[in-house]
Amino acid sequence: MNTRIRDFDLMNYATAQYIRKATPEEFASSVAASWHDGGAGVIDVDGLSCYVDGDAYPMIQYSHDASICLVATERGEFRVATQDDMDTLPVGPDLSDEEIELLEEEK
C-alpha cells in the first residue's frame, strides 16, 4: 500500500499559526475529522486544537481489508483509482463501513 504523503502543515486552530510539519497520522485524522466537523478538520495534538493545512484532495482511500481502492475528491465523490493515482496521491483514512455501504447502495 502506498504511504507517501505530500508536505502538510500542522496549524494552531485558534491562531492559524504554523506549528510544524504534520505527520501522516495527523493528516489522516484531520481529514477524517473534517467530514464530521463541517470541514475544519480540527484534531487534538498534545492538548492543543489543531488542523492540517494543505491541498489534501484528491486522495487515495482503501477499505479496511484493502479490497477497495478509490480516489476521494474534494466534492465528496469517489472514482476508481488508477496505478498512477496509487503512485502519486496521498493516502487518506480508511473508508468507513458507512461509506462502503453507501457505495454498495449506489450500484
Protein backbone atom coordinates (compact mmCIF):
# COMPACT_ATOMS: atom_id res chain seq x y z
CA MET A 1 0.00 0.00 0.00
CA ASN A 2 1.31 3.45 -0.89
CA THR A 3 2.05 5.52 2.20
CA ARG A 4 3.71 8.55 0.61
CA ILE A 5 2.24 11.86 1.61
CA ARG A 6 2.73 15.45 0.49
CA ASP A 7 4.07 18.06 2.87
CA PHE A 8 1.26 19.34 5.06
CA ASP A 9 1.49 21.85 7.87
CA LEU A 10 0.14 21.39 11.39
CA MET A 11 -1.56 24.65 12.35
CA ASN A 12 -2.93 26.05 15.61
CA TYR A 13 -6.72 26.20 15.17
CA ALA A 14 -7.21 29.26 17.40
CA THR A 15 -4.42 31.41 15.91
CA ALA A 16 -3.77 29.81 12.48
CA GLN A 17 -0.07 29.84 13.35
CA TYR A 18 2.28 27.21 11.90
CA ILE A 19 3.44 24.66 14.46
CA ARG A 20 5.43 22.14 12.38
CA LYS A 21 5.07 19.68 9.51
CA ALA A 22 2.15 17.32 10.07
CA THR A 23 2.69 13.58 10.34
CA PRO A 24 0.80 11.20 8.04
CA GLU A 25 -1.32 10.15 11.03
CA GLU A 26 -2.23 13.76 11.81
CA PHE A 27 -3.11 14.33 8.17
CA ALA A 28 -5.42 11.29 8.13
CA SER A 29 -7.03 12.28 11.45
CA SER A 30 -7.64 15.84 10.26
CA VAL A 31 -9.21 14.63 7.02
CA ALA A 32 -11.48 12.23 8.94
CA ALA A 33 -12.43 15.00 11.40
CA SER A 34 -13.26 17.35 8.52
CA TRP A 35 -16.04 15.02 7.39
CA HIS A 36 -17.73 15.38 10.76
CA ASP A 37 -16.98 18.97 11.84
CA GLY A 38 -18.07 20.89 8.78
CA GLY A 39 -14.71 20.90 7.04
CA ALA A 40 -12.30 22.42 9.57
CA GLY A 41 -10.61 19.11 10.38
CA VAL A 42 -9.83 20.04 13.98
CA ILE A 43 -7.79 17.48 15.89
CA ASP A 44 -6.25 17.43 19.35
CA VAL A 45 -2.45 17.36 19.38
CA ASP A 46 -0.95 17.33 22.87
CA GLY A 47 -3.96 19.21 24.26
CA LEU A 48 -3.97 21.87 21.52
CA SER A 49 -6.73 22.23 18.91
CA CYS A 50 -5.03 21.98 15.52
CA TYR A 51 -5.76 21.37 11.86
CA VAL A 52 -3.65 20.22 8.95
CA ASP A 53 -3.20 22.75 6.17
CA GLY A 54 -2.58 21.76 2.58
CA ASP A 55 -4.37 20.61 -0.52
CA ALA A 56 -5.41 17.12 0.54
CA TYR A 57 -7.60 16.28 -2.41
CA PRO A 58 -7.67 14.15 -4.32
CA MET A 59 -6.52 11.33 -2.05
CA ILE A 60 -6.47 7.54 -2.05
CA GLN A 61 -8.77 5.71 0.34
CA TYR A 62 -8.78 1.98 1.00
CA SER A 63 -11.30 -0.29 2.65
CA HIS A 64 -10.11 -1.88 5.92
CA ASP A 65 -9.08 -5.05 4.08
CA ALA A 66 -7.66 -3.10 1.07
CA SER A 67 -10.07 -4.87 -1.29
CA ILE A 68 -11.42 -1.46 -2.36
CA CYS A 69 -9.18 1.38 -3.53
CA LEU A 70 -10.79 4.67 -4.53
CA VAL A 71 -9.86 8.28 -5.14
CA ALA A 72 -11.83 10.74 -3.00
CA THR A 73 -12.39 14.23 -4.41
CA GLU A 74 -12.99 17.47 -2.54
CA ARG A 75 -16.68 17.32 -3.53
CA GLY A 76 -17.14 14.04 -1.66
CA GLU A 77 -17.21 11.98 -4.84
CA PHE A 78 -15.29 8.78 -5.44
CA ARG A 79 -13.77 7.22 -8.54
CA VAL A 80 -11.77 4.07 -9.16
CA ALA A 81 -8.05 4.61 -8.54
CA THR A 82 -5.55 4.11 -11.35
CA GLN A 83 -2.00 2.89 -10.85
CA ASP A 84 -0.80 6.48 -11.37
CA ASP A 85 -3.16 7.62 -8.60
CA MET A 86 -1.75 4.99 -6.25
CA ASP A 87 1.80 6.04 -7.12
CA THR A 88 1.31 9.78 -6.68
CA LEU A 89 -1.62 10.68 -4.40
CA PRO A 90 -1.53 10.90 -0.61
CA VAL A 91 -3.27 8.16 1.34
CA GLY A 92 -6.17 9.30 3.48
CA PRO A 93 -8.06 7.47 6.21
CA ASP A 94 -9.64 4.10 5.51
CA LEU A 95 -13.16 4.12 4.15
CA SER A 96 -15.67 3.72 6.95
CA ASP A 97 -18.19 0.89 6.93
CA GLU A 98 -20.90 3.52 6.34
CA GLU A 99 -19.11 4.88 3.25
CA ILE A 100 -18.71 1.37 1.85
CA GLU A 101 -22.41 0.64 2.44
CA LEU A 102 -23.36 3.88 0.63
CA LEU A 103 -21.16 2.92 -2.32
CA GLU A 104 -22.78 -0.52 -2.46
CA GLU A 105 -26.24 1.09 -2.46
CA GLU A 106 -25.29 3.24 -5.47
CA LYS A 107 -24.56 0.18 -7.66
